[in-house]
Amino acid sequence: SDAEEESGANGSQVEEFHPWNPHKAMKDIEVGDFYFRQKNYKAALSRYQEALLYKPNDAVANFRSAQCFEKLDSLQDAVEHYQAYLKVMPHGPLSRDAEKALSKLQGISAAPKSK
C-alpha cells in the first residue's frame, strides 16, 4: 500500500519521486553555478544533485557535482561523478578535464596515506 511505502515499512529508505523535468534541472544547474562562483561548494553541490533528480544522467550536473565533491575532499564521490560524465559524454566538451581529474584523483587514492 502507499502508506506502507511512505513510512518505509519494508526497512528501506523511501525515495521521493521527481518527474523528469530538464527545464528544472537546467535552472538548478544555473543556481549551482552561481554558488560555485561564490565558492559555496556545499550549496552548489546541493543544486547539482537536485538537477540530477529531475534529469538523471545530466552530463553537466555530473561534472559540476564532481568538481564540488573534489573541493569538499570527497574524492570517491568526485571519481564516481567524473566517470558518470564520461559515460554520458565520452567525447564531450569537458571530457579531457574529466579524464585529467580522474587521473589525478585515482593517483591520490592509490598513493599510501602518510600519518
Protein backbone atom coordinates (compact mmCIF):
# COMPACT_ATOMS: atom_id res chain seq x y z
CA SER A 1 0.00 0.00 0.00
CA ASP A 2 1.03 3.62 -0.44
CA ALA A 3 1.04 4.25 3.31
CA GLU A 4 3.49 1.40 3.88
CA GLU A 5 5.78 2.67 1.12
CA GLU A 6 5.79 6.19 2.53
CA SER A 7 6.55 5.02 6.05
CA GLY A 8 9.35 2.74 4.89
CA ALA A 9 7.68 -0.32 6.42
CA ASN A 10 9.92 -2.66 4.44
CA GLY A 11 13.00 -1.18 6.13
CA SER A 12 14.31 0.59 3.05
CA GLN A 13 14.67 4.30 2.73
CA VAL A 14 11.80 5.92 0.85
CA GLU A 15 12.87 7.93 -2.16
CA GLU A 16 10.82 10.88 -3.28
CA PHE A 17 9.67 10.67 -6.88
CA HIS A 18 10.61 13.58 -9.11
CA PRO A 19 9.25 13.73 -12.64
CA TRP A 20 11.72 14.16 -15.47
CA ASN A 21 12.00 17.91 -15.92
CA PRO A 22 15.01 19.13 -17.93
CA HIS A 23 13.97 22.77 -17.56
CA LYS A 24 14.01 22.50 -13.74
CA ALA A 25 17.35 20.67 -13.93
CA MET A 26 18.83 23.45 -16.08
CA LYS A 27 17.63 26.06 -13.58
CA ASP A 28 19.21 24.10 -10.70
CA ILE A 29 22.50 23.98 -12.61
CA GLU A 30 22.38 27.75 -13.17
CA VAL A 31 21.84 28.36 -9.44
CA GLY A 32 24.56 25.81 -8.63
CA ASP A 33 26.95 27.68 -10.92
CA PHE A 34 26.20 30.89 -9.01
CA TYR A 35 27.04 29.20 -5.68
CA PHE A 36 30.16 27.59 -7.20
CA ARG A 37 31.46 31.01 -8.31
CA GLN A 38 30.88 32.21 -4.73
CA LYS A 39 32.98 29.23 -3.51
CA ASN A 40 29.92 27.91 -1.63
CA TYR A 41 30.58 24.33 -2.73
CA LYS A 42 28.05 22.69 -0.41
CA ALA A 43 25.20 24.84 -1.72
CA ALA A 44 26.36 24.34 -5.31
CA LEU A 45 26.54 20.59 -4.82
CA SER A 46 23.03 20.57 -3.40
CA ARG A 47 21.68 22.24 -6.53
CA TYR A 48 23.63 19.99 -8.91
CA GLN A 49 22.36 16.93 -7.05
CA GLU A 50 18.81 18.28 -7.28
CA ALA A 51 19.30 18.74 -11.01
CA LEU A 52 20.19 15.05 -11.22
CA LEU A 53 16.87 14.22 -9.55
CA TYR A 54 14.98 15.97 -12.32
CA LYS A 55 17.27 14.84 -15.13
CA PRO A 56 19.26 11.73 -14.23
CA ASN A 57 22.48 11.31 -16.19
CA ASP A 58 22.79 15.00 -16.97
CA ALA A 59 26.40 15.36 -18.09
CA VAL A 60 26.93 18.91 -16.84
CA ALA A 61 25.33 18.25 -13.45
CA ASN A 62 27.55 15.19 -13.02
CA PHE A 63 30.71 17.09 -13.99
CA ARG A 64 29.93 20.03 -11.72
CA SER A 65 28.97 17.68 -8.86
CA ALA A 66 32.36 16.02 -9.29
CA GLN A 67 34.10 19.39 -9.05
CA CYS A 68 32.23 20.18 -5.84
CA PHE A 69 32.98 16.79 -4.31
CA GLU A 70 36.64 17.34 -5.17
CA LYS A 71 36.65 20.77 -3.50
CA LEU A 72 34.95 19.23 -0.45
CA ASP A 73 37.57 16.42 -0.28
CA SER A 74 35.02 13.71 -1.01
CA LEU A 75 37.31 12.14 -3.57
CA GLN A 76 35.48 8.85 -4.16
CA ASP A 77 32.26 10.72 -4.90
CA ALA A 78 34.19 13.01 -7.25
CA VAL A 79 35.58 9.99 -9.11
CA GLU A 80 32.08 8.48 -9.46
CA HIS A 81 30.65 11.69 -10.93
CA TYR A 82 33.56 12.27 -13.33
CA GLN A 83 33.07 8.69 -14.51
CA ALA A 84 29.32 9.32 -14.87
CA TYR A 85 30.07 12.37 -17.03
CA LEU A 86 32.36 10.33 -19.26
CA LYS A 87 29.77 7.57 -19.54
CA VAL A 88 27.18 10.06 -20.80
CA MET A 89 29.56 12.16 -22.94
CA PRO A 90 32.81 10.29 -23.61
CA HIS A 91 33.85 12.88 -26.21
CA GLY A 92 32.05 15.87 -24.72
CA PRO A 93 33.47 19.36 -24.25
CA LEU A 94 34.59 18.58 -20.69
CA SER A 95 35.83 15.03 -21.31
CA ARG A 96 39.52 16.00 -21.28
CA ASP A 97 39.05 17.85 -17.99
CA ALA A 98 37.20 14.86 -16.53
CA GLU A 99 39.89 12.43 -17.68
CA LYS A 100 42.63 14.65 -16.26
CA ALA A 101 40.80 14.96 -12.92
CA LEU A 102 40.24 11.19 -12.80
CA SER A 103 43.94 10.51 -13.40
CA LYS A 104 44.85 12.88 -10.60
CA LEU A 105 42.23 11.57 -8.17
CA GLN A 106 42.93 7.93 -8.86
CA GLY A 107 46.63 8.63 -8.33
CA ILE A 108 45.81 10.22 -4.96
CA SER A 109 43.64 7.29 -3.86
CA ALA A 110 46.32 4.79 -4.93
CA ALA A 111 49.06 6.60 -3.01
CA PRO A 112 49.78 5.34 0.52
CA LYS A 113 48.43 7.62 3.22
CA SER A 114 51.04 9.20 5.45
CA LYS A 115 50.26 9.78 9.10
